[in-house]
């Protein structure tokens, strides 16, 4: 259960940090676009990339066993860096997640292609899903539970973001609420980093 929660918390924290994708999803949902298409494409892409990362790192374990502790250390350092970034935004942040009010509705096909582009052309998504989640899932005592948790985080976030777009727009545009959000993310990322370091080296 702890591995499932760790994967979910990490996945959610990383997804929330990708501001551009969230702004687009929220803006399109507010404009009346097909929310099922938007959520489906984003969730499917995340799940496939996470599974790819976990499988790829797992294969690397067989080829280069010494690489595992190196990736674990890199993952822990990356988590601490992301936690630092979130904590810094808590102190310096002055704006929330602001959406684009002038959005033109698209056909389902064009909407799906746009969602694919915004997701797959973002270099951060590969670092987060393939490298970071992939390596940390394999370092966790229960990689399968960790992976499921990370995939469920994507399912939860994009389902909520599209289904409750009007209310979430008001909530996420508040600078104070977003700073609280960042504070929670910083604590979660730091806790996961410490837990992974403890499991790997003690």
N, C-alpha and C. Protein backbone atom coordinates (compact mmCIF):
# COMPACT_ATOMS: atom_id res chain seq x y z
N UNK A 1 0.83 -1.21 0.00
CA UNK A 1 0.00 0.00 0.00
C UNK A 1 0.87 1.26 0.00
N UNK A 2 1.99 1.21 0.76
CA UNK A 2 2.87 2.38 0.80
C UNK A 2 3.48 2.65 -0.57
N UNK A 3 3.85 1.58 -1.28
CA UNK A 3 4.40 1.75 -2.63
C UNK A 3 3.36 2.34 -3.58
N UNK A 4 2.12 1.90 -3.45
CA UNK A 4 1.04 2.44 -4.27
C UNK A 4 0.86 3.92 -4.00
N UNK A 5 0.85 4.30 -2.74
CA UNK A 5 0.69 5.71 -2.37
C UNK A 5 1.89 6.54 -2.79
N UNK A 6 3.08 5.95 -2.69
CA UNK A 6 4.29 6.67 -3.12
C UNK A 6 4.25 6.94 -4.61
N UNK A 7 3.86 5.93 -5.40
CA UNK A 7 3.76 6.12 -6.84
C UNK A 7 2.69 7.13 -7.20
N UNK A 8 1.57 7.07 -6.50
CA UNK A 8 0.48 8.02 -6.76
C UNK A 8 0.92 9.45 -6.42
N UNK A 9 1.54 9.62 -5.27
CA UNK A 9 1.97 10.95 -4.82
C UNK A 9 3.02 11.53 -5.76
N UNK A 10 3.98 10.69 -6.15
CA UNK A 10 5.01 11.16 -7.06
C UNK A 10 4.41 11.51 -8.42
N UNK A 11 3.59 10.61 -8.96
CA UNK A 11 2.97 10.87 -10.26
C UNK A 11 2.15 12.15 -10.26
N UNK A 12 1.36 12.35 -9.22
CA UNK A 12 0.52 13.54 -9.13
C UNK A 12 1.37 14.80 -9.02
N UNK A 13 2.42 14.74 -8.22
CA UNK A 13 3.29 15.91 -8.04
C UNK A 13 3.96 16.30 -9.35
N UNK A 14 4.41 15.33 -10.12
CA UNK A 14 5.08 15.62 -11.39
C UNK A 14 4.11 16.14 -12.44
N UNK A 15 2.91 15.58 -12.48
CA UNK A 15 1.91 16.02 -13.46
C UNK A 15 1.49 17.46 -13.20
N UNK A 16 1.28 17.78 -11.93
CA UNK A 16 0.86 19.13 -11.56
C UNK A 16 1.91 20.16 -11.98
N UNK A 17 3.18 19.75 -11.94
CA UNK A 17 4.26 20.69 -12.25
C UNK A 17 4.32 21.05 -13.73
N UNK A 18 3.70 20.24 -14.61
CA UNK A 18 3.72 20.54 -16.05
C UNK A 18 2.62 21.56 -16.34
N UNK A 19 2.92 22.83 -16.13
CA UNK A 19 1.91 23.88 -16.21
C UNK A 19 1.27 24.07 -17.57
N UNK A 20 2.09 24.03 -18.64
CA UNK A 20 1.56 24.27 -19.98
C UNK A 20 0.47 23.30 -20.37
N UNK A 21 0.67 22.03 -20.10
CA UNK A 21 -0.32 21.02 -20.43
C UNK A 21 -1.60 21.21 -19.62
N UNK A 22 -1.45 21.52 -18.35
CA UNK A 22 -2.61 21.73 -17.48
C UNK A 22 -3.43 22.93 -17.92
N UNK A 23 -2.74 24.00 -18.31
CA UNK A 23 -3.43 25.20 -18.77
C UNK A 23 -4.25 24.89 -20.03
N UNK A 24 -3.64 24.13 -20.96
CA UNK A 24 -4.34 23.79 -22.19
C UNK A 24 -5.56 22.91 -21.90
N UNK A 25 -5.39 21.89 -21.07
CA UNK A 25 -6.48 20.99 -20.72
C UNK A 25 -7.62 21.76 -20.06
N UNK A 26 -7.28 22.63 -19.12
CA UNK A 26 -8.29 23.40 -18.40
C UNK A 26 -9.01 24.37 -19.34
N UNK A 27 -8.23 25.03 -20.20
CA UNK A 27 -8.82 26.02 -21.13
C UNK A 27 -9.77 25.34 -22.11
N UNK A 28 -9.35 24.22 -22.68
CA UNK A 28 -10.20 23.50 -23.62
C UNK A 28 -11.47 22.97 -22.95
N UNK A 29 -11.32 22.47 -21.73
CA UNK A 29 -12.48 21.95 -20.99
C UNK A 29 -13.46 23.06 -20.68
N UNK A 30 -12.94 24.24 -20.35
CA UNK A 30 -13.80 25.38 -20.07
C UNK A 30 -14.52 25.86 -21.33
N UNK A 31 -13.88 25.67 -22.50
CA UNK A 31 -14.46 26.13 -23.77
C UNK A 31 -15.50 25.17 -24.31
N UNK A 32 -15.70 24.03 -23.64
CA UNK A 32 -16.70 23.08 -24.07
C UNK A 32 -16.19 22.02 -25.02
N UNK A 33 -14.87 21.82 -25.07
CA UNK A 33 -14.31 20.79 -25.94
C UNK A 33 -14.66 19.41 -25.40
N UNK A 34 -14.43 18.39 -26.22
CA UNK A 34 -14.73 17.01 -25.82
C UNK A 34 -13.78 16.60 -24.70
N UNK A 35 -14.29 16.59 -23.48
CA UNK A 35 -13.45 16.32 -22.32
C UNK A 35 -12.97 14.88 -22.28
N UNK A 36 -13.77 13.96 -22.80
CA UNK A 36 -13.38 12.55 -22.80
C UNK A 36 -12.16 12.33 -23.69
N UNK A 37 -12.12 13.01 -24.83
CA UNK A 37 -10.98 12.90 -25.74
C UNK A 37 -9.72 13.46 -25.08
N UNK A 38 -9.85 14.64 -24.48
CA UNK A 38 -8.70 15.28 -23.84
C UNK A 38 -8.13 14.40 -22.73
N UNK A 39 -9.00 14.00 -21.81
CA UNK A 39 -8.56 13.19 -20.68
C UNK A 39 -8.01 11.85 -21.15
N UNK A 40 -8.70 11.23 -22.12
CA UNK A 40 -8.28 9.92 -22.60
C UNK A 40 -6.89 9.93 -23.20
N UNK A 41 -6.60 10.93 -24.04
CA UNK A 41 -5.28 11.02 -24.68
C UNK A 41 -4.19 11.27 -23.65
N UNK A 42 -4.42 12.21 -22.73
CA UNK A 42 -3.41 12.55 -21.72
C UNK A 42 -3.13 11.37 -20.79
N UNK A 43 -4.18 10.68 -20.36
CA UNK A 43 -4.03 9.54 -19.46
C UNK A 43 -3.32 8.39 -20.17
N UNK A 44 -3.73 8.11 -21.40
CA UNK A 44 -3.13 7.02 -22.15
C UNK A 44 -1.64 7.27 -22.42
N UNK A 45 -1.31 8.49 -22.80
CA UNK A 45 0.10 8.83 -23.04
C UNK A 45 0.93 8.65 -21.79
N UNK A 46 0.44 9.16 -20.67
CA UNK A 46 1.17 9.03 -19.41
C UNK A 46 1.38 7.56 -19.04
N UNK A 47 0.30 6.77 -19.14
CA UNK A 47 0.38 5.36 -18.76
C UNK A 47 1.39 4.61 -19.64
N UNK A 48 1.35 4.85 -20.95
CA UNK A 48 2.27 4.17 -21.86
C UNK A 48 3.72 4.58 -21.59
N UNK A 49 3.95 5.87 -21.35
CA UNK A 49 5.31 6.34 -21.07
C UNK A 49 5.83 5.79 -19.74
N UNK A 50 4.95 5.74 -18.74
CA UNK A 50 5.35 5.19 -17.44
C UNK A 50 5.71 3.71 -17.58
N UNK A 51 4.86 2.95 -18.27
CA UNK A 51 5.13 1.52 -18.48
C UNK A 51 6.40 1.31 -19.30
N UNK A 52 6.62 2.18 -20.29
CA UNK A 52 7.84 2.11 -21.09
C UNK A 52 9.06 2.36 -20.22
N UNK A 53 8.97 3.39 -19.37
CA UNK A 53 10.09 3.72 -18.50
C UNK A 53 10.42 2.61 -17.52
N UNK A 54 9.39 2.06 -16.90
CA UNK A 54 9.59 0.98 -15.92
C UNK A 54 10.20 -0.24 -16.60
N UNK A 55 9.70 -0.61 -17.77
CA UNK A 55 10.21 -1.77 -18.50
C UNK A 55 11.64 -1.54 -18.99
N UNK A 56 11.90 -0.32 -19.47
CA UNK A 56 13.23 0.01 -19.99
C UNK A 56 14.27 -0.03 -18.89
N UNK A 57 13.96 0.60 -17.76
CA UNK A 57 14.91 0.61 -16.64
C UNK A 57 15.09 -0.81 -16.09
N UNK A 58 14.00 -1.58 -16.08
CA UNK A 58 14.09 -2.97 -15.61
C UNK A 58 15.03 -3.78 -16.49
N UNK A 59 14.97 -3.56 -17.80
CA UNK A 59 15.86 -4.26 -18.72
C UNK A 59 17.30 -3.81 -18.51
N UNK A 60 17.48 -2.51 -18.25
CA UNK A 60 18.83 -2.00 -17.98
C UNK A 60 19.42 -2.65 -16.73
N UNK A 61 18.56 -2.97 -15.76
CA UNK A 61 19.02 -3.64 -14.55
C UNK A 61 19.68 -4.97 -14.88
N UNK A 62 19.11 -5.67 -15.85
CA UNK A 62 19.65 -6.97 -16.23
C UNK A 62 20.97 -6.82 -16.98
N UNK A 63 21.07 -5.78 -17.79
CA UNK A 63 22.28 -5.58 -18.58
C UNK A 63 23.40 -4.94 -17.75
N UNK A 64 23.04 -3.95 -16.95
CA UNK A 64 24.04 -3.20 -16.17
C UNK A 64 23.57 -3.06 -14.72
N UNK A 65 23.75 -4.09 -13.91
CA UNK A 65 23.31 -4.03 -12.51
C UNK A 65 23.85 -2.83 -11.72
N UNK A 66 25.11 -2.40 -11.93
CA UNK A 66 25.61 -1.24 -11.17
C UNK A 66 24.86 0.05 -11.48
N UNK A 67 24.11 0.05 -12.60
CA UNK A 67 23.41 1.28 -12.99
C UNK A 67 22.25 1.59 -12.05
N UNK A 68 21.70 0.58 -11.39
CA UNK A 68 20.52 0.76 -10.54
C UNK A 68 20.78 1.73 -9.39
N UNK A 69 21.83 1.52 -8.58
CA UNK A 69 22.07 2.49 -7.50
C UNK A 69 22.38 3.90 -8.00
N UNK A 70 23.01 3.97 -9.18
CA UNK A 70 23.32 5.30 -9.75
C UNK A 70 22.03 6.01 -10.11
N UNK A 71 21.11 5.28 -10.77
CA UNK A 71 19.82 5.88 -11.13
C UNK A 71 19.00 6.23 -9.89
N UNK A 72 19.12 5.41 -8.86
CA UNK A 72 18.40 5.70 -7.61
C UNK A 72 18.89 7.00 -6.99
N UNK A 73 20.21 7.15 -6.93
CA UNK A 73 20.78 8.39 -6.39
C UNK A 73 20.36 9.59 -7.23
N UNK A 74 20.41 9.42 -8.58
CA UNK A 74 20.00 10.51 -9.47
C UNK A 74 18.53 10.85 -9.27
N UNK A 75 17.70 9.82 -9.08
CA UNK A 75 16.28 10.05 -8.84
C UNK A 75 16.01 10.78 -7.55
N UNK A 76 16.72 10.39 -6.50
CA UNK A 76 16.56 11.06 -5.20
C UNK A 76 16.97 12.52 -5.30
N UNK A 77 18.09 12.77 -5.97
CA UNK A 77 18.57 14.15 -6.13
C UNK A 77 17.58 14.97 -6.96
N UNK A 78 17.01 14.34 -7.99
CA UNK A 78 16.03 15.03 -8.83
C UNK A 78 14.79 15.38 -8.02
N UNK A 79 14.34 14.46 -7.18
CA UNK A 79 13.18 14.72 -6.33
C UNK A 79 13.45 15.87 -5.38
N UNK A 80 14.64 15.88 -4.79
CA UNK A 80 14.99 16.96 -3.87
C UNK A 80 15.07 18.29 -4.60
N UNK A 81 15.56 18.26 -5.84
CA UNK A 81 15.61 19.49 -6.64
C UNK A 81 14.21 20.00 -6.96
N UNK A 82 13.31 19.08 -7.32
CA UNK A 82 11.93 19.48 -7.61
C UNK A 82 11.24 19.99 -6.35
N UNK A 83 11.54 19.37 -5.21
CA UNK A 83 10.98 19.83 -3.93
C UNK A 83 11.48 21.24 -3.62
N UNK A 84 12.75 21.49 -3.90
CA UNK A 84 13.31 22.82 -3.71
C UNK A 84 12.61 23.85 -4.60
N UNK A 85 12.35 23.45 -5.86
CA UNK A 85 11.66 24.35 -6.78
C UNK A 85 10.26 24.69 -6.31
N UNK A 86 9.56 23.69 -5.79
CA UNK A 86 8.21 23.93 -5.27
C UNK A 86 8.25 24.83 -4.04
N UNK A 87 9.21 24.56 -3.16
CA UNK A 87 9.34 25.39 -1.95
C UNK A 87 9.70 26.84 -2.32
N UNK A 88 10.53 27.00 -3.35
CA UNK A 88 10.90 28.34 -3.80
C UNK A 88 9.70 29.09 -4.34
N UNK A 89 8.82 28.37 -5.06
CA UNK A 89 7.62 29.00 -5.60
C UNK A 89 6.65 29.39 -4.48
N UNK A 90 6.67 28.63 -3.40
CA UNK A 90 5.82 28.97 -2.25
C UNK A 90 6.22 30.34 -1.70
N UNK A 91 7.53 30.59 -1.64
CA UNK A 91 8.04 31.85 -1.08
C UNK A 91 7.89 33.00 -2.08
N UNK A 92 8.20 32.72 -3.35
CA UNK A 92 8.25 33.80 -4.34
C UNK A 92 7.00 33.88 -5.21
N UNK A 93 6.19 32.81 -5.22
CA UNK A 93 5.05 32.75 -6.13
C UNK A 93 4.06 33.88 -5.95
N UNK A 94 3.55 34.38 -7.07
CA UNK A 94 2.56 35.46 -7.01
C UNK A 94 1.42 35.26 -7.99
N UNK A 95 1.37 34.09 -8.64
CA UNK A 95 0.30 33.85 -9.61
C UNK A 95 -0.14 32.40 -9.57
N UNK A 96 -1.38 32.19 -9.94
CA UNK A 96 -1.92 30.84 -9.97
C UNK A 96 -1.87 30.29 -11.38
N UNK A 97 -2.64 29.24 -11.63
CA UNK A 97 -2.70 28.63 -12.95
C UNK A 97 -3.73 29.38 -13.77
N UNK A 98 -3.27 30.31 -14.61
CA UNK A 98 -4.15 31.17 -15.37
C UNK A 98 -4.42 30.56 -16.74
N UNK A 99 -5.69 30.45 -17.10
CA UNK A 99 -6.07 29.84 -18.37
C UNK A 99 -6.25 30.90 -19.45
N UNK A 100 -6.27 30.43 -20.68
CA UNK A 100 -6.50 31.30 -21.82
C UNK A 100 -8.00 31.42 -22.06
N UNK A 101 -8.52 32.64 -21.99
CA UNK A 101 -9.96 32.85 -22.13
C UNK A 101 -10.43 32.75 -23.58
N UNK A 102 -9.53 33.04 -24.54
CA UNK A 102 -9.90 33.04 -25.95
C UNK A 102 -9.49 31.71 -26.60
N UNK A 103 -10.33 30.71 -26.42
CA UNK A 103 -10.04 29.37 -26.93
C UNK A 103 -11.06 29.00 -27.99
N UNK A 104 -10.55 28.50 -29.12
CA UNK A 104 -11.42 28.07 -30.21
C UNK A 104 -11.63 26.56 -30.12
N UNK A 105 -12.91 26.14 -30.17
CA UNK A 105 -13.22 24.72 -30.06
C UNK A 105 -12.72 23.97 -31.29
N UNK A 106 -12.25 22.73 -31.09
CA UNK A 106 -11.70 21.93 -32.17
C UNK A 106 -12.52 20.66 -32.34
N UNK A 107 -12.39 20.05 -33.51
CA UNK A 107 -13.05 18.77 -33.75
C UNK A 107 -12.36 17.71 -32.88
N UNK A 108 -13.05 16.60 -32.56
CA UNK A 108 -12.44 15.55 -31.74
C UNK A 108 -11.10 15.05 -32.29
N UNK A 109 -11.01 14.89 -33.62
CA UNK A 109 -9.78 14.41 -34.23
C UNK A 109 -8.64 15.40 -34.04
N UNK A 110 -8.91 16.67 -34.34
CA UNK A 110 -7.89 17.70 -34.18
C UNK A 110 -7.53 17.88 -32.70
N UNK A 111 -8.53 17.75 -31.85
CA UNK A 111 -8.32 17.86 -30.41
C UNK A 111 -7.37 16.76 -29.93
N UNK A 112 -7.59 15.53 -30.40
CA UNK A 112 -6.73 14.40 -30.02
C UNK A 112 -5.30 14.61 -30.51
N UNK A 113 -5.15 15.11 -31.74
CA UNK A 113 -3.81 15.36 -32.28
C UNK A 113 -3.10 16.46 -31.51
N UNK A 114 -3.84 17.50 -31.14
CA UNK A 114 -3.25 18.59 -30.36
C UNK A 114 -2.82 18.10 -28.99
N UNK A 115 -3.67 17.28 -28.36
CA UNK A 115 -3.33 16.72 -27.05
C UNK A 115 -2.08 15.86 -27.13
N UNK A 116 -1.97 15.08 -28.20
CA UNK A 116 -0.78 14.25 -28.41
C UNK A 116 0.47 15.13 -28.55
N UNK A 117 0.33 16.19 -29.34
CA UNK A 117 1.47 17.09 -29.54
C UNK A 117 1.91 17.77 -28.27
N UNK A 118 0.96 18.31 -27.52
CA UNK A 118 1.29 19.02 -26.28
C UNK A 118 1.93 18.08 -25.26
N UNK A 119 1.47 16.83 -25.26
CA UNK A 119 2.01 15.85 -24.31
C UNK A 119 3.36 15.31 -24.75
N UNK A 120 3.45 14.82 -25.98
CA UNK A 120 4.64 14.11 -26.42
C UNK A 120 5.77 15.01 -26.89
N UNK A 121 5.48 16.27 -27.22
CA UNK A 121 6.53 17.19 -27.65
C UNK A 121 7.13 17.97 -26.48
N UNK A 122 6.65 17.65 -25.28
CA UNK A 122 7.20 18.29 -24.08
C UNK A 122 8.33 17.43 -23.54
N UNK A 123 9.59 17.91 -23.58
CA UNK A 123 10.72 17.08 -23.13
C UNK A 123 10.64 16.68 -21.67
N UNK A 124 9.95 17.50 -20.85
CA UNK A 124 9.86 17.20 -19.43
C UNK A 124 9.06 15.92 -19.17
N UNK A 125 8.12 15.61 -20.06
CA UNK A 125 7.28 14.43 -19.83
C UNK A 125 8.12 13.15 -19.88
N UNK A 126 9.15 13.14 -20.72
CA UNK A 126 10.01 11.96 -20.82
C UNK A 126 10.92 11.85 -19.61
N UNK A 127 11.42 12.97 -19.16
CA UNK A 127 12.27 12.98 -17.96
C UNK A 127 11.48 12.51 -16.74
N UNK A 128 10.22 12.98 -16.65
CA UNK A 128 9.40 12.65 -15.49
C UNK A 128 8.90 11.21 -15.52
N UNK A 129 8.34 10.79 -16.66
CA UNK A 129 7.70 9.47 -16.72
C UNK A 129 8.69 8.35 -17.00
N UNK A 130 9.47 8.49 -18.07
CA UNK A 130 10.36 7.41 -18.48
C UNK A 130 11.56 7.27 -17.54
N UNK A 131 12.25 8.38 -17.29
CA UNK A 131 13.48 8.32 -16.51
C UNK A 131 13.22 8.30 -15.01
N UNK A 132 12.51 9.32 -14.51
CA UNK A 132 12.36 9.46 -13.06
C UNK A 132 11.44 8.38 -12.48
N UNK A 133 10.20 8.31 -12.99
CA UNK A 133 9.28 7.30 -12.46
C UNK A 133 9.78 5.89 -12.77
N UNK A 134 10.35 5.70 -13.96
CA UNK A 134 10.87 4.38 -14.32
C UNK A 134 11.96 3.91 -13.38
N UNK A 135 12.93 4.78 -13.07
CA UNK A 135 14.02 4.37 -12.20
C UNK A 135 13.57 4.22 -10.75
N UNK A 136 12.71 5.11 -10.28
CA UNK A 136 12.27 5.04 -8.88
C UNK A 136 11.31 3.87 -8.65
N UNK A 137 10.54 3.52 -9.66
CA UNK A 137 9.65 2.36 -9.53
C UNK A 137 10.47 1.09 -9.36
N UNK A 138 11.56 0.98 -10.13
CA UNK A 138 12.41 -0.20 -10.03
C UNK A 138 13.22 -0.22 -8.74
N UNK A 139 13.42 0.94 -8.13
CA UNK A 139 14.14 0.99 -6.85
C UNK A 139 13.21 0.74 -5.67
N UNK A 140 11.91 0.81 -5.91
CA UNK A 140 10.92 0.62 -4.84
C UNK A 140 10.78 -0.88 -4.51
N UNK A 141 10.46 -1.20 -3.25
CA UNK A 141 10.28 -2.62 -2.87
C UNK A 141 9.17 -3.31 -3.67
N UNK A 142 8.18 -2.56 -4.13
CA UNK A 142 7.09 -3.14 -4.92
C UNK A 142 6.90 -2.32 -6.20
N UNK A 143 7.70 -2.59 -7.25
CA UNK A 143 7.64 -1.81 -8.48
C UNK A 143 6.26 -1.79 -9.14
N UNK A 144 5.56 -2.93 -9.10
CA UNK A 144 4.25 -3.00 -9.75
C UNK A 144 3.26 -2.05 -9.07
N UNK A 145 3.23 -2.09 -7.73
CA UNK A 145 2.32 -1.21 -6.99
C UNK A 145 2.68 0.25 -7.22
N UNK A 146 3.97 0.56 -7.26
CA UNK A 146 4.43 1.93 -7.50
C UNK A 146 3.98 2.41 -8.88
N UNK A 147 4.13 1.54 -9.88
CA UNK A 147 3.74 1.88 -11.25
C UNK A 147 2.24 2.10 -11.35
N UNK A 148 1.47 1.21 -10.73
CA UNK A 148 0.01 1.37 -10.74
C UNK A 148 -0.39 2.69 -10.09
N UNK A 149 0.27 3.02 -8.99
CA UNK A 149 -0.02 4.28 -8.29
C UNK A 149 0.25 5.48 -9.18
N UNK A 150 1.37 5.46 -9.91
CA UNK A 150 1.71 6.57 -10.81
C UNK A 150 0.69 6.70 -11.94
N UNK A 151 0.24 5.58 -12.48
CA UNK A 151 -0.77 5.61 -13.54
C UNK A 151 -2.11 6.11 -13.01
N UNK A 152 -2.46 5.70 -11.79
CA UNK A 152 -3.71 6.16 -11.18
C UNK A 152 -3.68 7.67 -10.93
N UNK A 153 -2.50 8.20 -10.66
CA UNK A 153 -2.37 9.65 -10.44
C UNK A 153 -2.77 10.41 -11.70
N UNK A 154 -2.32 9.92 -12.85
CA UNK A 154 -2.68 10.55 -14.13
C UNK A 154 -4.18 10.43 -14.37
N UNK A 155 -4.74 9.25 -14.10
CA UNK A 155 -6.17 9.04 -14.26
C UNK A 155 -6.97 9.99 -13.38
N UNK A 156 -6.55 10.12 -12.14
CA UNK A 156 -7.25 11.00 -11.20
C UNK A 156 -7.14 12.47 -11.62
N UNK A 157 -5.94 12.92 -11.94
CA UNK A 157 -5.72 14.33 -12.21
C UNK A 157 -6.45 14.81 -13.46
N UNK A 158 -6.28 14.11 -14.55
CA UNK A 158 -6.90 14.58 -15.80
C UNK A 158 -8.40 14.36 -15.82
N UNK A 159 -8.88 13.34 -15.12
CA UNK A 159 -10.32 13.15 -14.99
C UNK A 159 -10.93 14.30 -14.20
N UNK A 160 -10.28 14.68 -13.10
CA UNK A 160 -10.78 15.77 -12.27
C UNK A 160 -10.66 17.11 -12.99
N UNK A 161 -9.53 17.31 -13.68
CA UNK A 161 -9.28 18.59 -14.35
C UNK A 161 -10.29 18.84 -15.46
N UNK A 162 -10.69 17.79 -16.17
CA UNK A 162 -11.67 17.96 -17.25
C UNK A 162 -13.10 17.95 -16.74
N UNK A 163 -13.39 17.11 -15.77
CA UNK A 163 -14.77 16.99 -15.28
C UNK A 163 -15.21 18.19 -14.46
N UNK A 164 -14.28 18.76 -13.69
CA UNK A 164 -14.64 19.86 -12.79
C UNK A 164 -13.94 21.16 -13.19
N UNK A 165 -13.76 21.35 -14.50
CA UNK A 165 -13.02 22.50 -15.02
C UNK A 165 -13.51 23.85 -14.48
N UNK A 166 -14.81 24.16 -14.50
CA UNK A 166 -15.25 25.48 -14.03
C UNK A 166 -14.85 25.78 -12.58
N UNK A 167 -15.06 24.80 -11.70
CA UNK A 167 -14.72 25.01 -10.29
C UNK A 167 -13.21 25.02 -10.07
N UNK A 168 -12.49 24.15 -10.79
CA UNK A 168 -11.05 24.09 -10.63
C UNK A 168 -10.37 25.34 -11.17
N UNK A 169 -10.99 25.95 -12.19
CA UNK A 169 -10.41 27.19 -12.72
C UNK A 169 -10.36 28.25 -11.63
N UNK A 170 -11.43 28.38 -10.87
CA UNK A 170 -11.48 29.36 -9.78
C UNK A 170 -10.49 28.98 -8.69
N UNK A 171 -10.44 27.68 -8.37
CA UNK A 171 -9.58 27.22 -7.28
C UNK A 171 -8.10 27.37 -7.63
N UNK A 172 -7.71 26.92 -8.84
CA UNK A 172 -6.30 26.91 -9.20
C UNK A 172 -5.76 28.28 -9.63
N UNK A 173 -6.64 29.23 -9.92
CA UNK A 173 -6.17 30.56 -10.30
C UNK A 173 -5.82 31.42 -9.10
N UNK A 174 -6.14 30.94 -7.89
CA UNK A 174 -5.82 31.69 -6.68
C UNK A 174 -4.34 31.54 -6.34
N UNK A 175 -3.59 32.65 -6.25
CA UNK A 175 -2.17 32.56 -5.88
C UNK A 175 -1.95 31.90 -4.52
N UNK A 176 -2.80 32.21 -3.55
CA UNK A 176 -2.64 31.63 -2.22
C UNK A 176 -2.85 30.12 -2.25
N UNK A 177 -3.93 29.67 -2.92
CA UNK A 177 -4.19 28.24 -2.99
C UNK A 177 -3.10 27.51 -3.75
N UNK A 178 -2.58 28.12 -4.82
CA UNK A 178 -1.52 27.47 -5.58
C UNK A 178 -0.24 27.36 -4.76
N UNK A 179 0.02 28.36 -3.92
CA UNK A 179 1.20 28.29 -3.05
C UNK A 179 1.03 27.18 -2.01
N UNK A 180 -0.18 27.00 -1.52
CA UNK A 180 -0.45 25.89 -0.59
C UNK A 180 -0.25 24.56 -1.32
N UNK A 181 -0.74 24.52 -2.56
CA UNK A 181 -0.57 23.34 -3.40
C UNK A 181 0.91 23.01 -3.57
N UNK A 182 1.71 24.03 -3.87
CA UNK A 182 3.15 23.84 -4.04
C UNK A 182 3.81 23.39 -2.75
N UNK A 183 3.36 23.90 -1.63
CA UNK A 183 3.92 23.51 -0.34
C UNK A 183 3.68 22.02 -0.07
N UNK A 184 2.48 21.57 -0.36
CA UNK A 184 2.15 20.14 -0.19
C UNK A 184 3.01 19.29 -1.11
N UNK A 185 3.18 19.73 -2.36
CA UNK A 185 3.99 19.00 -3.33
C UNK A 185 5.44 18.90 -2.85
N UNK A 186 5.97 20.01 -2.32
CA UNK A 186 7.35 20.01 -1.83
C UNK A 186 7.54 18.99 -0.71
N UNK A 187 6.59 18.93 0.21
CA UNK A 187 6.67 17.97 1.32
C UNK A 187 6.58 16.54 0.81
N UNK A 188 5.66 16.29 -0.13
CA UNK A 188 5.50 14.94 -0.68
C UNK A 188 6.76 14.48 -1.40
N UNK A 189 7.32 15.35 -2.25
CA UNK A 189 8.52 14.99 -3.00
C UNK A 189 9.70 14.72 -2.07
N UNK A 190 9.84 15.52 -1.04
CA UNK A 190 10.93 15.32 -0.09
C UNK A 190 10.75 14.01 0.68
N UNK A 191 9.51 13.73 1.07
CA UNK A 191 9.23 12.50 1.81
C UNK A 191 9.53 11.27 0.95
N UNK A 192 9.15 11.31 -0.33
CA UNK A 192 9.41 10.18 -1.23
C UNK A 192 10.90 10.01 -1.44
N UNK A 193 11.62 11.14 -1.60
CA UNK A 193 13.07 11.07 -1.80
C UNK A 193 13.76 10.42 -0.59
N UNK A 194 13.38 10.82 0.61
CA UNK A 194 13.98 10.26 1.81
C UNK A 194 13.63 8.79 1.98
N UNK A 195 12.38 8.44 1.66
CA UNK A 195 11.95 7.05 1.79
C UNK A 195 12.70 6.15 0.80
N UNK A 196 12.89 6.62 -0.44
CA UNK A 196 13.61 5.85 -1.44
C UNK A 196 15.08 5.70 -1.07
N UNK A 197 15.67 6.78 -0.55
CA UNK A 197 17.06 6.72 -0.13
C UNK A 197 17.23 5.74 1.03
N UNK A 198 16.29 5.74 1.95
CA UNK A 198 16.34 4.81 3.08
C UNK A 198 16.23 3.36 2.61
N UNK A 199 15.29 3.09 1.70
CA UNK A 199 15.08 1.73 1.19
C UNK A 199 16.29 1.24 0.40
N UNK A 200 16.95 2.16 -0.30
CA UNK A 200 18.05 1.77 -1.18
C UNK A 200 19.36 1.55 -0.44
N UNK A 201 19.58 2.30 0.61
CA UNK A 201 20.91 2.30 1.22
C UNK A 201 20.96 1.89 2.69
N UNK A 202 19.79 1.59 3.28
CA UNK A 202 19.80 1.16 4.68
C UNK A 202 18.96 -0.10 4.87
